[in-house]
PDB file of N, CA and C in Angstrom:
ATOM      1  N   MET A   1      -4.904  10.403 -11.698  1.00  0.00           N
ATOM      2  CA  MET A   1      -4.104   9.340 -12.265  1.00  0.00           C
ATOM      3  C   MET A   1      -2.619   9.723 -12.249  1.00  0.00           C
ATOM      4  N   PHE A   2      -2.269  10.889 -12.818  1.00  0.00           N
ATOM      5  CA  PHE A   2      -0.871  11.323 -12.805  1.00  0.00           C
ATOM      6  C   PHE A   2      -0.360  11.423 -11.381  1.00  0.00           C
ATOM      7  N   GLU A   3      -1.212  11.975 -10.505  1.00  0.00           N
ATOM      8  CA  GLU A   3      -0.780  12.152  -9.122  1.00  0.00           C
ATOM      9  C   GLU A   3      -0.487  10.819  -8.462  1.00  0.00           C
ATOM     10  N   ASP A   4      -1.292   9.795  -8.780  1.00  0.00           N
ATOM     11  CA  ASP A   4      -1.032   8.466  -8.216  1.00  0.00           C
ATOM     12  C   ASP A   4       0.335   7.941  -8.660  1.00  0.00           C
ATOM     13  N   ASP A   5       0.616   8.078  -9.969  1.00  0.00           N
ATOM     14  CA  ASP A   5       1.906   7.617 -10.492  1.00  0.00           C
ATOM     15  C   ASP A   5       3.053   8.403  -9.877  1.00  0.00           C
ATOM     16  N   LEU A   6       2.881   9.709  -9.783  1.00  0.00           N
ATOM     17  CA  LEU A   6       3.929  10.540  -9.196  1.00  0.00           C
ATOM     18  C   LEU A   6       4.142  10.182  -7.729  1.00  0.00           C
ATOM     19  N   GLU A   7       3.051   9.956  -7.025  1.00  0.00           N
ATOM     20  CA  GLU A   7       3.151   9.591  -5.607  1.00  0.00           C
ATOM     21  C   GLU A   7       3.859   8.250  -5.449  1.00  0.00           C
ATOM     22  N   LYS A   8       3.495   7.270  -6.294  1.00  0.00           N
ATOM     23  CA  LYS A   8       4.063   5.927  -6.191  1.00  0.00           C
ATOM     24  C   LYS A   8       5.543   5.884  -6.551  1.00  0.00           C
ATOM     25  N   HIS A   9       5.936   6.675  -7.524  1.00  0.00           N
ATOM     26  CA  HIS A   9       7.292   6.554  -8.050  1.00  0.00           C
ATOM     27  C   HIS A   9       8.215   7.702  -7.643  1.00  0.00           C
ATOM     28  N   VAL A  10       7.819   8.919  -7.960  1.00  0.00           N
ATOM     29  CA  VAL A  10       8.699  10.060  -7.715  1.00  0.00           C
ATOM     30  C   VAL A  10       8.807  10.362  -6.223  1.00  0.00           C
ATOM     31  N   SER A  11       7.682  10.458  -5.551  1.00  0.00           N
ATOM     32  CA  SER A  11       7.712  10.808  -4.129  1.00  0.00           C
ATOM     33  C   SER A  11       8.433   9.755  -3.304  1.00  0.00           C
ATOM     34  N   VAL A  12       8.183   8.497  -3.591  1.00  0.00           N
ATOM     35  CA  VAL A  12       8.836   7.422  -2.846  1.00  0.00           C
ATOM     36  C   VAL A  12      10.347   7.477  -3.068  1.00  0.00           C
ATOM     37  N   PHE A  13      10.754   7.659  -4.312  1.00  0.00           N
ATOM     38  CA  PHE A  13      12.185   7.730  -4.625  1.00  0.00           C
ATOM     39  C   PHE A  13      12.809   8.957  -3.980  1.00  0.00           C
ATOM     40  N   ALA A  14      12.093  10.078  -4.013  1.00  0.00           N
ATOM     41  CA  ALA A  14      12.596  11.310  -3.388  1.00  0.00           C
ATOM     42  C   ALA A  14      12.811  11.079  -1.892  1.00  0.00           C
ATOM     43  N   GLY A  15      11.869  10.384  -1.247  1.00  0.00           N
ATOM     44  CA  GLY A  15      12.005  10.076   0.172  1.00  0.00           C
ATOM     45  C   GLY A  15      13.214   9.206   0.458  1.00  0.00           C
ATOM     46  N   PHE A  16      13.495   8.301  -0.444  1.00  0.00           N
ATOM     47  CA  PHE A  16      14.649   7.411  -0.291  1.00  0.00           C
ATOM     48  C   PHE A  16      15.954   8.197  -0.402  1.00  0.00           C
ATOM     49  N   ILE A  17      16.031   9.138  -1.348  1.00  0.00           N
ATOM     50  CA  ILE A  17      17.247   9.937  -1.562  1.00  0.00           C
ATOM     51  C   ILE A  17      17.422  10.959  -0.442  1.00  0.00           C
ATOM     52  N   GLY A  18      16.326  11.597  -0.043  1.00  0.00           N
ATOM     53  CA  GLY A  18      16.400  12.587   1.027  1.00  0.00           C
ATOM     54  C   GLY A  18      16.381  14.017   0.510  1.00  0.00           C
ATOM     55  N   GLU A  19      16.860  14.934   1.341  1.00  0.00           N
ATOM     56  CA  GLU A  19      16.775  16.363   1.032  1.00  0.00           C
ATOM     57  C   GLU A  19      17.559  16.776  -0.199  1.00  0.00           C
ATOM     58  N   GLN A  20      18.523  15.989  -0.600  1.00  0.00           N
ATOM     59  CA  GLN A  20      19.344  16.336  -1.769  1.00  0.00           C
ATOM     60  C   GLN A  20      18.664  15.998  -3.091  1.00  0.00           C
ATOM     61  N   PHE A  21      17.459  15.428  -3.042  1.00  0.00           N
ATOM     62  CA  PHE A  21      16.772  14.982  -4.258  1.00  0.00           C
ATOM     63  C   PHE A  21      16.315  16.160  -5.102  1.00  0.00           C
ATOM     64  N   ASN A  22      16.649  16.113  -6.384  1.00  0.00           N
ATOM     65  CA  ASN A  22      16.142  17.043  -7.393  1.00  0.00           C
ATOM     66  C   ASN A  22      15.682  16.200  -8.566  1.00  0.00           C
ATOM     67  N   LEU A  23      14.493  16.468  -9.052  1.00  0.00           N
ATOM     68  CA  LEU A  23      13.953  15.712 -10.178  1.00  0.00           C
ATOM     69  C   LEU A  23      14.482  16.295 -11.481  1.00  0.00           C
ATOM     70  N   MET A  24      14.992  15.432 -12.338  1.00  0.00           N
ATOM     71  CA  MET A  24      15.435  15.863 -13.655  1.00  0.00           C
ATOM     72  C   MET A  24      14.586  15.153 -14.692  1.00  0.00           C
ATOM     73  N   HIS A  25      13.947  15.919 -15.541  1.00  0.00           N
ATOM     74  CA  HIS A  25      13.186  15.332 -16.635  1.00  0.00           C
ATOM     75  C   HIS A  25      13.443  16.145 -17.879  1.00  0.00           C
ATOM     76  N   ASN A  26      12.922  15.687 -19.016  1.00  0.00           N
ATOM     77  CA  ASN A  26      13.323  16.279 -20.289  1.00  0.00           C
ATOM     78  C   ASN A  26      12.338  17.300 -20.861  1.00  0.00           C
ATOM     79  N   ASN A  27      11.448  17.835 -20.050  1.00  0.00           N
ATOM     80  CA  ASN A  27      10.479  18.835 -20.494  1.00  0.00           C
ATOM     81  C   ASN A  27       9.518  18.333 -21.555  1.00  0.00           C
ATOM     82  N   ALA A  28       9.354  17.016 -21.652  1.00  0.00           N
ATOM     83  CA  ALA A  28       8.320  16.486 -22.534  1.00  0.00           C
ATOM     84  C   ALA A  28       6.972  16.987 -22.010  1.00  0.00           C
ATOM     85  N   ARG A  29       5.991  17.087 -22.869  1.00  0.00           N
ATOM     86  CA  ARG A  29       4.689  17.634 -22.462  1.00  0.00           C
ATOM     87  C   ARG A  29       4.129  17.007 -21.193  1.00  0.00           C
ATOM     88  N   PRO A  30       4.128  15.665 -21.072  1.00  0.00           N
ATOM     89  CA  PRO A  30       3.590  15.093 -19.825  1.00  0.00           C
ATOM     90  C   PRO A  30       4.366  15.529 -18.589  1.00  0.00           C
ATOM     91  N   HIS A  31       5.676  15.723 -18.730  1.00  0.00           N
ATOM     92  CA  HIS A  31       6.498  16.123 -17.589  1.00  0.00           C
ATOM     93  C   HIS A  31       6.278  17.579 -17.213  1.00  0.00           C
ATOM     94  N   ALA A  32       5.957  18.410 -18.208  1.00  0.00           N
ATOM     95  CA  ALA A  32       5.817  19.851 -17.977  1.00  0.00           C
ATOM     96  C   ALA A  32       4.365  20.276 -17.780  1.00  0.00           C
ATOM     97  N   ALA A  33       3.446  19.326 -17.728  1.00  0.00           N
ATOM     98  CA  ALA A  33       2.026  19.647 -17.572  1.00  0.00           C
ATOM     99  C   ALA A  33       1.778  20.367 -16.246  1.00  0.00           C
ATOM    100  N   VAL A  34       0.784  21.219 -16.235  1.00  0.00           N
ATOM    101  CA  VAL A  34       0.453  21.996 -15.032  1.00  0.00           C
ATOM    102  C   VAL A  34       0.171  21.067 -13.855  1.00  0.00           C
ATOM    103  N   ILE A  35      -0.539  19.979 -14.092  1.00  0.00           N
ATOM    104  CA  ILE A  35      -0.873  19.061 -12.993  1.00  0.00           C
ATOM    105  C   ILE A  35       0.395  18.475 -12.372  1.00  0.00           C
ATOM    106  N   VAL A  36       1.392  18.193 -13.202  1.00  0.00           N
ATOM    107  CA  VAL A  36       2.661  17.649 -12.693  1.00  0.00           C
ATOM    108  C   VAL A  36       3.414  18.725 -11.923  1.00  0.00           C
ATOM    109  N   ARG A  37       3.524  19.907 -12.508  1.00  0.00           N
ATOM    110  CA  ARG A  37       4.231  20.999 -11.809  1.00  0.00           C
ATOM    111  C   ARG A  37       3.563  21.318 -10.475  1.00  0.00           C
ATOM    112  N   ASN A  38       2.211  21.347 -10.461  1.00  0.00           N
ATOM    113  CA  ASN A  38       1.482  21.624  -9.214  1.00  0.00           C
ATOM    114  C   ASN A  38       1.744  20.545  -8.169  1.00  0.00           C
ATOM    115  N   PHE A  39       1.749  19.291  -8.594  1.00  0.00           N
ATOM    116  CA  PHE A  39       2.002  18.197  -7.668  1.00  0.00           C
ATOM    117  C   PHE A  39       3.398  18.323  -7.067  1.00  0.00           C
ATOM    118  N   LEU A  40       4.395  18.534  -7.926  1.00  0.00           N
ATOM    119  CA  LEU A  40       5.772  18.631  -7.441  1.00  0.00           C
ATOM    120  C   LEU A  40       5.922  19.782  -6.453  1.00  0.00           C
ATOM    121  N   GLN A  41       5.276  20.894  -6.744  1.00  0.00           N
ATOM    122  CA  GLN A  41       5.343  22.036  -5.838  1.00  0.00           C
ATOM    123  C   GLN A  41       4.653  21.709  -4.510  1.00  0.00           C
ATOM    124  N   ALA A  42       3.504  21.031  -4.582  1.00  0.00           N
ATOM    125  CA  ALA A  42       2.741  20.708  -3.370  1.00  0.00           C
ATOM    126  C   ALA A  42       3.507  19.786  -2.428  1.00  0.00           C
ATOM    127  N   VAL A  43       4.286  18.865  -2.998  1.00  0.00           N
ATOM    128  CA  VAL A  43       5.023  17.927  -2.154  1.00  0.00           C
ATOM    129  C   VAL A  43       6.468  18.368  -1.919  1.00  0.00           C
ATOM    130  N   GLY A  44       6.823  19.530  -2.441  1.00  0.00           N
ATOM    131  CA  GLY A  44       8.136  20.099  -2.169  1.00  0.00           C
ATOM    132  C   GLY A  44       9.285  19.465  -2.929  1.00  0.00           C
ATOM    133  N   ILE A  45       9.006  18.957  -4.135  1.00  0.00           N
ATOM    134  CA  ILE A  45      10.068  18.385  -4.962  1.00  0.00           C
ATOM    135  C   ILE A  45      10.483  19.423  -5.998  1.00  0.00           C
ATOM    136  N   GLU A  46      11.775  19.715  -5.999  1.00  0.00           N
ATOM    137  CA  GLU A  46      12.298  20.695  -6.947  1.00  0.00           C
ATOM    138  C   GLU A  46      12.721  19.995  -8.235  1.00  0.00           C
ATOM    139  N   ALA A  47      12.304  20.557  -9.362  1.00  0.00           N
ATOM    140  CA  ALA A  47      12.698  20.016 -10.665  1.00  0.00           C
ATOM    141  C   ALA A  47      13.848  20.849 -11.220  1.00  0.00           C
ATOM    142  N   VAL A  48      14.842  20.172 -11.738  1.00  0.00           N
ATOM    143  CA  VAL A  48      15.991  20.835 -12.336  1.00  0.00           C
ATOM    144  C   VAL A  48      15.552  21.460 -13.657  1.00  0.00           C
ATOM    145  N   GLU A  49      15.917  22.720 -13.872  1.00  0.00           N
ATOM    146  CA  GLU A  49      15.629  23.368 -15.152  1.00  0.00           C
ATOM    147  C   GLU A  49      16.450  22.667 -16.229  1.00  0.00           C
ATOM    148  N   TRP A  50      15.804  22.261 -17.286  1.00  0.00           N
ATOM    149  CA  TRP A  50      16.475  21.491 -18.321  1.00  0.00           C
ATOM    150  C   TRP A  50      15.960  21.940 -19.663  1.00  0.00           C
ATOM    151  N   SER A  51      16.833  22.289 -20.544  1.00  0.00           N
ATOM    152  CA  SER A  51      16.431  22.745 -21.874  1.00  0.00           C
ATOM    153  C   SER A  51      15.785  21.616 -22.653  1.00  0.00           C
ATOM    154  N   SER A  52      14.671  21.911 -23.306  1.00  0.00           N
ATOM    155  CA  SER A  52      14.004  20.887 -24.106  1.00  0.00           C
ATOM    156  C   SER A  52      14.809  20.566 -25.364  1.00  0.00           C
ATOM    157  N   ARG A  53      15.809  21.371 -25.671  1.00  0.00           N
ATOM    158  CA  ARG A  53      16.635  21.139 -26.860  1.00  0.00           C
ATOM    159  C   ARG A  53      18.002  20.552 -26.502  1.00  0.00           C
ATOM    160  N   SER A  54      18.154  20.084 -25.289  1.00  0.00           N
ATOM    161  CA  SER A  54      19.442  19.545 -24.874  1.00  0.00           C
ATOM    162  C   SER A  54      19.608  18.122 -25.403  1.00  0.00           C
ATOM    163  N   PRO A  55      20.859  17.677 -25.583  1.00  0.00           N
ATOM    164  CA  PRO A  55      21.078  16.305 -26.030  1.00  0.00           C
ATOM    165  C   PRO A  55      20.631  15.326 -24.951  1.00  0.00           C
ATOM    166  N   ASP A  56      20.070  14.218 -25.371  1.00  0.00           N
ATOM    167  CA  ASP A  56      19.578  13.227 -24.423  1.00  0.00           C
ATOM    168  C   ASP A  56      20.699  12.261 -24.087  1.00  0.00           C
ATOM    169  N   LEU A  57      21.322  12.477 -22.955  1.00  0.00           N
ATOM    170  CA  LEU A  57      22.444  11.643 -22.544  1.00  0.00           C
ATOM    171  C   LEU A  57      22.053  10.580 -21.522  1.00  0.00           C
ATOM    172  N   ASN A  58      20.797  10.542 -21.142  1.00  0.00           N
ATOM    173  CA  ASN A  58      20.362   9.567 -20.157  1.00  0.00           C
ATOM    174  C   ASN A  58      20.295   8.185 -20.804  1.00  0.00           C
ATOM    175  N   PRO A  59      21.100   7.230 -20.346  1.00  0.00           N
ATOM    176  CA  PRO A  59      21.114   5.900 -20.974  1.00  0.00           C
ATOM    177  C   PRO A  59      19.760   5.200 -20.928  1.00  0.00           C
ATOM    178  N   ILE A  60      18.939   5.497 -19.949  1.00  0.00           N
ATOM    179  CA  ILE A  60      17.645   4.809 -19.855  1.00  0.00           C
ATOM    180  C   ILE A  60      16.767   5.109 -21.058  1.00  0.00           C
ATOM    181  N   GLU A  61      16.894   6.311 -21.619  1.00  0.00           N
ATOM    182  CA  GLU A  61      16.102   6.661 -22.804  1.00  0.00           C
ATOM    183  C   GLU A  61      16.454   5.748 -23.973  1.00  0.00           C
ATOM    184  N   HIS A  62      17.728   5.451 -24.127  1.00  0.00           N
ATOM    185  CA  HIS A  62      18.169   4.575 -25.216  1.00  0.00           C
ATOM    186  C   HIS A  62      17.824   3.123 -24.902  1.00  0.00           C
ATOM    187  N   LEU A  63      17.842   2.787 -23.637  1.00  0.00           N
ATOM    188  CA  LEU A  63      17.496   1.432 -23.234  1.00  0.00           C
ATOM    189  C   LEU A  63      16.020   1.147 -23.501  1.00  0.00           C
ATOM    190  N   TRP A  64      15.162   2.150 -23.282  1.00  0.00           N
ATOM    191  CA  TRP A  64      13.731   1.978 -23.541  1.00  0.00           C
ATOM    192  C   TRP A  64      13.455   1.694 -25.013  1.00  0.00           C
ATOM    193  N   ASP A  65      14.346   2.110 -25.879  1.00  0.00           N
ATOM    194  CA  ASP A  65      14.159   1.894 -27.312  1.00  0.00           C
ATOM    195  C   ASP A  65      14.172   0.406 -27.666  1.00  0.00           C
ATOM    196  N   ILE A  66      14.922  -0.381 -26.906  1.00  0.00           N
ATOM    197  CA  ILE A  66      15.051  -1.806 -27.224  1.00  0.00           C
ATOM    198  C   ILE A  66      13.714  -2.538 -27.104  1.00  0.00           C
ATOM    199  N   PRO A  67      12.996  -2.454 -25.963  1.00  0.00           N
ATOM    200  CA  PRO A  67      11.686  -3.117 -25.913  1.00  0.00           C
ATOM    201  C   PRO A  67      10.700  -2.526 -26.932  1.00  0.00           C
ATOM    202  N   GLY A  68      10.809  -1.229 -27.191  1.00  0.00           N
ATOM    203  CA  GLY A  68       9.923  -0.613 -28.183  1.00  0.00           C
ATOM    204  C   GLY A  68      10.094  -1.245 -29.552  1.00  0.00           C
ATOM    205  N   ARG A  69      11.349  -1.446 -29.954  1.00  0.00           N
ATOM    206  CA  ARG A  69      11.614  -2.090 -31.248  1.00  0.00           C
ATOM    207  C   ARG A  69      11.150  -3.540 -31.227  1.00  0.00           C
ATOM    208  N   GLN A  70      11.360  -4.231 -30.110  1.00  0.00           N
ATOM    209  CA  GLN A  70      10.949  -5.633 -30.020  1.00  0.00           C
ATOM    210  C   GLN A  70       9.432  -5.760 -30.144  1.00  0.00           C
ATOM    211  N   ILE A  71       8.705  -4.839 -29.546  1.00  0.00           N
ATOM    212  CA  ILE A  71       7.241  -4.890 -29.626  1.00  0.00           C
ATOM    213  C   ILE A  71       6.781  -4.663 -31.056  1.00  0.00           C
ATOM    214  N   ARG A  72       7.410  -3.711 -31.739  1.00  0.00           N
ATOM    215  CA  ARG A  72       7.027  -3.444 -33.132  1.00  0.00           C
ATOM    216  C   ARG A  72       7.334  -4.622 -34.048  1.00  0.00           C
ATOM    217  N   GLN A  73       8.290  -5.469 -33.673  1.00  0.00           N
ATOM    218  CA  GLN A  73       8.671  -6.608 -34.507  1.00  0.00           C
ATOM    219  C   GLN A  73       7.923  -7.890 -34.155  1.00  0.00           C
ATOM    220  N   ARG A  74       7.057  -7.835 -33.170  1.00  0.00           N
ATOM    221  CA  ARG A  74       6.328  -9.048 -32.764  1.00  0.00           C
ATOM    222  C   ARG A  74       5.430  -9.534 -33.902  1.00  0.00           C
ATOM    223  N   ARG A  75       5.324 -10.836 -34.006  1.00  0.00           N
ATOM    224  CA  ARG A  75       4.432 -11.414 -35.026  1.00  0.00           C
ATOM    225  C   ARG A  75       2.978 -11.147 -34.679  1.00  0.00           C
ATOM    226  N   ARG A  76       2.667 -11.291 -33.397  1.00  0.00           N
ATOM    227  CA  ARG A  76       1.297 -11.032 -32.938  1.00  0.00           C
ATOM    228  C   ARG A  76       1.203  -9.570 -32.543  1.00  0.00           C
ATOM    229  N   GLN A  77       0.243  -8.873 -33.120  1.00  0.00           N
ATOM    230  CA  GLN A  77       0.093  -7.452 -32.856  1.00  0.00           C
ATOM    231  C   GLN A  77      -0.358  -7.193 -31.421  1.00  0.00           C
ATOM    232  N   VAL A  78       0.148  -6.144 -30.847  1.00  0.00           N
ATOM    233  CA  VAL A  78      -0.263  -5.707 -29.514  1.00  0.00           C
ATOM    234  C   VAL A  78      -1.440  -4.770 -29.714  1.00  0.00           C
ATOM    235  N   LEU A  79      -2.638  -5.185 -29.261  1.00  0.00           N
ATOM    236  CA  LEU A  79      -3.844  -4.425 -29.556  1.00  0.00           C
ATOM    237  C   LEU A  79      -4.446  -3.703 -28.363  1.00  0.00           C
ATOM    238  N   THR A  80      -4.175  -4.207 -27.165  1.00  0.00           N
ATOM    239  CA  THR A  80      -4.787  -3.597 -25.986  1.00  0.00           C
ATOM    240  C   THR A  80      -3.701  -3.078 -25.054  1.00  0.00           C
ATOM    241  N   LEU A  81      -4.117  -2.234 -24.133  1.00  0.00           N
ATOM    242  CA  LEU A  81      -3.181  -1.716 -23.136  1.00  0.00           C
ATOM    243  C   LEU A  81      -2.620  -2.855 -22.285  1.00  0.00           C
ATOM    244  N   GLN A  82      -3.450  -3.833 -21.971  1.00  0.00           N
ATOM    245  CA  GLN A  82      -2.974  -4.991 -21.195  1.00  0.00           C
ATOM    246  C   GLN A  82      -1.932  -5.776 -21.972  1.00  0.00           C
ATOM    247  N   ASP A  83      -2.158  -5.960 -23.294  1.00  0.00           N
ATOM    248  CA  ASP A  83      -1.164  -6.639 -24.125  1.00  0.00           C
ATOM    249  C   ASP A  83       0.150  -5.865 -24.137  1.00  0.00           C
ATOM    250  N   LEU A  84       0.045  -4.548 -24.270  1.00  0.00           N
ATOM    251  CA  LEU A  84       1.234  -3.707 -24.307  1.00  0.00           C
ATOM    252  C   LEU A  84       1.996  -3.790 -22.991  1.00  0.00           C
ATOM    253  N   ARG A  85       1.272  -3.704 -21.885  1.00  0.00           N
ATOM    254  CA  ARG A  85       1.916  -3.783 -20.571  1.00  0.00           C
ATOM    255  C   ARG A  85       2.640  -5.121 -20.407  1.00  0.00           C
ATOM    256  N   ALA A  86       1.978  -6.206 -20.789  1.00  0.00           N
ATOM    257  CA  ALA A  86       2.587  -7.535 -20.660  1.00  0.00           C
ATOM    258  C   ALA A  86       3.807  -7.670 -21.573  1.00  0.00           C
ATOM    259  N   ALA A  87       3.695  -7.176 -22.795  1.00  0.00           N
ATOM    260  CA  ALA A  87       4.809  -7.261 -23.742  1.00  0.00           C
ATOM    261  C   ALA A  87       6.001  -6.439 -23.257  1.00  0.00           C
ATOM    262  N   LEU A  88       5.733  -5.226 -22.772  1.00  0.00           N
ATOM    263  CA  LEU A  88       6.818  -4.385 -22.254  1.00  0.00           C
ATOM    264  C   LEU A  88       7.512  -5.033 -21.068  1.00  0.00           C
ATOM    265  N   GLN A  89       6.723  -5.572 -20.169  1.00  0.00           N
ATOM    266  CA  GLN A  89       7.309  -6.206 -18.987  1.00  0.00           C
ATOM    267  C   GLN A  89       8.163  -7.402 -19.390  1.00  0.00           C
ATOM    268  N   GLU A  90       7.645  -8.217 -20.297  1.00  0.00           N
ATOM    269  CA  GLU A  90       8.401  -9.385 -20.749  1.00  0.00           C
ATOM    270  C   GLU A  90       9.705  -8.963 -21.429  1.00  0.00           C
ATOM    271  N   ASP A  91       9.610  -7.992 -22.337  1.00  0.00           N
ATOM    272  CA  ASP A  91      10.801  -7.555 -23.060  1.00  0.00           C
ATOM    273  C   ASP A  91      11.796  -6.860 -22.128  1.00  0.00           C
ATOM    274  N   TRP A  92      11.284  -6.090 -21.168  1.00  0.00           N
ATOM    275  CA  TRP A  92      12.171  -5.400 -20.222  1.00  0.00           C
ATOM    276  C   TRP A  92      12.932  -6.406 -19.369  1.00  0.00           C
ATOM    277  N   GLU A  93      12.224  -7.442 -18.894  1.00  0.00           N
ATOM    278  CA  GLU A  93      12.859  -8.457 -18.052  1.00  0.00           C
ATOM    279  C   GLU A  93      13.892  -9.279 -18.815  1.00  0.00           C
ATOM    280  N   ASN A  94      13.764  -9.321 -20.138  1.00  0.00           N
ATOM    281  CA  ASN A  94      14.686 -10.105 -20.958  1.00  0.00           C
ATOM    282  C   ASN A  94      15.745  -9.260 -21.660  1.00  0.00           C
ATOM    283  N   LEU A  95      15.889  -8.000 -21.233  1.00  0.00           N
ATOM    284  CA  LEU A  95      16.924  -7.154 -21.831  1.00  0.00           C
ATOM    285  C   LEU A  95      18.292  -7.786 -21.612  1.00  0.00           C
ATOM    286  N   PRO A  96      19.081  -7.859 -22.652  1.00  0.00           N
ATOM    287  CA  PRO A  96      20.422  -8.424 -22.472  1.00  0.00           C
ATOM    288  C   PRO A  96      21.292  -7.490 -21.635  1.00  0.00           C
ATOM    289  N   GLN A  97      21.956  -8.047 -20.646  1.00  0.00           N
ATOM    290  CA  GLN A  97      22.838  -7.254 -19.790  1.00  0.00           C
ATOM    291  C   GLN A  97      23.940  -6.582 -20.603  1.00  0.00           C
ATOM    292  N   GLU A  98      24.324  -7.209 -21.692  1.00  0.00           N
ATOM    293  CA  GLU A  98      25.348  -6.630 -22.567  1.00  0.00           C
ATOM    294  C   GLU A  98      24.878  -5.287 -23.149  1.00  0.00           C
ATOM    295  N   ALA A  99      23.614  -5.192 -23.497  1.00  0.00           N
ATOM    296  CA  ALA A  99      23.080  -3.934 -24.036  1.00  0.00           C
ATOM    297  C   ALA A  99      23.147  -2.827 -22.984  1.00  0.00           C
ATOM    298  N   ILE A 100      22.843  -3.183 -21.754  1.00  0.00           N
ATOM    299  CA  ILE A 100      22.893  -2.209 -20.652  1.00  0.00           C
ATOM    300  C   ILE A 100      24.335  -1.760 -20.428  1.00  0.00           C
ATOM    301  N   GLN A 101      25.252  -2.700 -20.381  1.00  0.00           N
ATOM    302  CA  GLN A 101      26.668  -2.359 -20.175  1.00  0.00           C
ATOM    303  C   GLN A 101      27.208  -1.511 -21.321  1.00  0.00           C
ATOM    304  N   ASN A 102      26.825  -1.835 -22.547  1.00  0.00           N
ATOM    305  CA  ASN A 102      27.294  -1.064 -23.698  1.00  0.00           C
ATOM    306  C   ASN A 102      26.844   0.391 -23.602  1.00  0.00           C
ATOM    307  N   LEU A 103      25.611   0.602 -23.155  1.00  0.00           N
ATOM    308  CA  LEU A 103      25.131   1.974 -23.008  1.00  0.00           C
ATOM    309  C   LEU A 103      25.947   2.734 -21.964  1.00  0.00           C
ATOM    310  N   PHE A 104      26.179   2.116 -20.840  1.00  0.00           N
ATOM    311  CA  PHE A 104      26.956   2.790 -19.801  1.00  0.00           C
ATOM    312  C   PHE A 104      28.400   3.026 -20.249  1.00  0.00           C
ATOM    313  N   GLN A 105      28.970   2.074 -20.939  1.00  0.00           N
ATOM    314  CA  GLN A 105      30.343   2.231 -21.402  1.00  0.00           C
ATOM    315  C   GLN A 105      30.461   3.281 -22.502  1.00  0.00           C
ATOM    316  N   SER A 106      29.365   3.594 -23.167  1.00  0.00           N
ATOM    317  CA  SER A 106      29.397   4.600 -24.234  1.00  0.00           C
ATOM    318  C   SER A 106      29.310   6.027 -23.696  1.00  0.00           C
ATOM    319  N   MET A 107      29.030   6.190 -22.419  1.00  0.00           N
ATOM    320  CA  MET A 107      28.828   7.528 -21.860  1.00  0.00           C
ATOM    321  C   MET A 107      30.044   8.450 -22.001  1.00  0.00           C
ATOM    322  N   PRO A 108      31.266   8.020 -21.728  1.00  0.00           N
ATOM    323  CA  PRO A 108      32.391   8.940 -21.916  1.00  0.00           C
ATOM    324  C   PRO A 108      32.487   9.456 -23.360  1.00  0.00           C
ATOM    325  N   ARG A 109      32.265   8.574 -24.321  1.00  0.00           N
ATOM    326  CA  ARG A 109      32.297   8.981 -25.728  1.00  0.00           C
ATOM    327  C   ARG A 109      31.182   9.969 -26.038  1.00  0.00           C
ATOM    328  N   ARG A 110      29.983   9.705 -25.532  1.00  0.00           N
ATOM    329  CA  ARG A 110      28.847  10.602 -25.768  1.00  0.00           C
ATOM    330  C   ARG A 110      29.105  11.979 -25.164  1.00  0.00           C
ATOM    331  N   LEU A 111      29.601  11.994 -23.942  1.00  0.00           N
ATOM    332  CA  LEU A 111      29.890  13.272 -23.284  1.00  0.00           C
ATOM    333  C   LEU A 111      30.966  14.052 -24.038  1.00  0.00           C
ATOM    334  N   ALA A 112      32.006  13.357 -24.471  1.00  0.00           N
ATOM    335  CA  ALA A 112      33.072  14.027 -25.226  1.00  0.00           C
ATOM    336  C   ALA A 112      32.520  14.622 -26.524  1.00  0.00           C
ATOM    337  N   THR A 113      31.617  13.922 -27.174  1.00  0.00           N
ATOM    338  CA  THR A 113      31.020  14.421 -28.409  1.00  0.00           C
ATOM    339  C   THR A 113      30.223  15.689 -28.159  1.00  0.00           C
ATOM    340  N   VAL A 114      29.454  15.715 -27.087  1.00  0.00           N
ATOM    341  CA  VAL A 114      28.665  16.905 -26.743  1.00  0.00           C
ATOM    342  C   VAL A 114      29.593  18.060 -26.414  1.00  0.00           C
ATOM    343  N   ILE A 115      30.633  17.794 -25.645  1.00  0.00           N
ATOM    344  CA  ILE A 115      31.575  18.854 -25.275  1.00  0.00           C
ATOM    345  C   ILE A 115      32.256  19.424 -26.523  1.00  0.00           C
ATOM    346  N   ARG A 116      32.678  18.556 -27.432  1.00  0.00           N
ATOM    347  CA  ARG A 116      33.310  19.033 -28.680  1.00  0.00           C
ATOM    348  C   ARG A 116      32.341  19.861 -29.503  1.00  0.00           C
ATOM    349  N   ALA A 117      31.087  19.453 -29.557  1.00  0.00           N
ATOM    350  CA  ALA A 117      30.100  20.172 -30.368  1.00  0.00           C
ATOM    351  C   ALA A 117      29.799  21.559 -29.820  1.00  0.00           C
ATOM    352  N   ARG A 118      29.999  21.759 -28.554  1.00  0.00           N
ATOM    353  CA  ARG A 118      29.692  23.062 -27.922  1.00  0.00           C
ATOM    354  C   ARG A 118      30.856  24.031 -28.011  1.00  0.00           C
ATOM    355  N   HIS A 119      32.013  23.601 -28.456  1.00  0.00           N
ATOM    356  CA  HIS A 119      33.180  24.492 -28.548  1.00  0.00           C
ATOM    357  C   HIS A 119      33.377  24.987 -29.942  1.00  0.00           C
TER     358      HIS A 119
END
């Protein structure tokens, strides 16, 4: 199952980028699992070493929070995996472009904060 997802998403994207592709992930348990590491090694994808205690500056992580909150606020409870998939897709497709732009525009401020905290 993991290998199918990795093949469909990571390998295809790596092929699109080319030899300069390096996978960056946040060392969450699913990302650091032996099956994932073995797959990446087998297909020749190098993963960037990343501290599990590093600040999360990837805007997509914050963007994912929006559909998550919307699902928790739904009047009708999401009970099955199919319901969850449909709800996520609907909420993702309806993300306000303003929220996406705000996240990207906040990056200089976020980076400056991290740099100040490290000095």
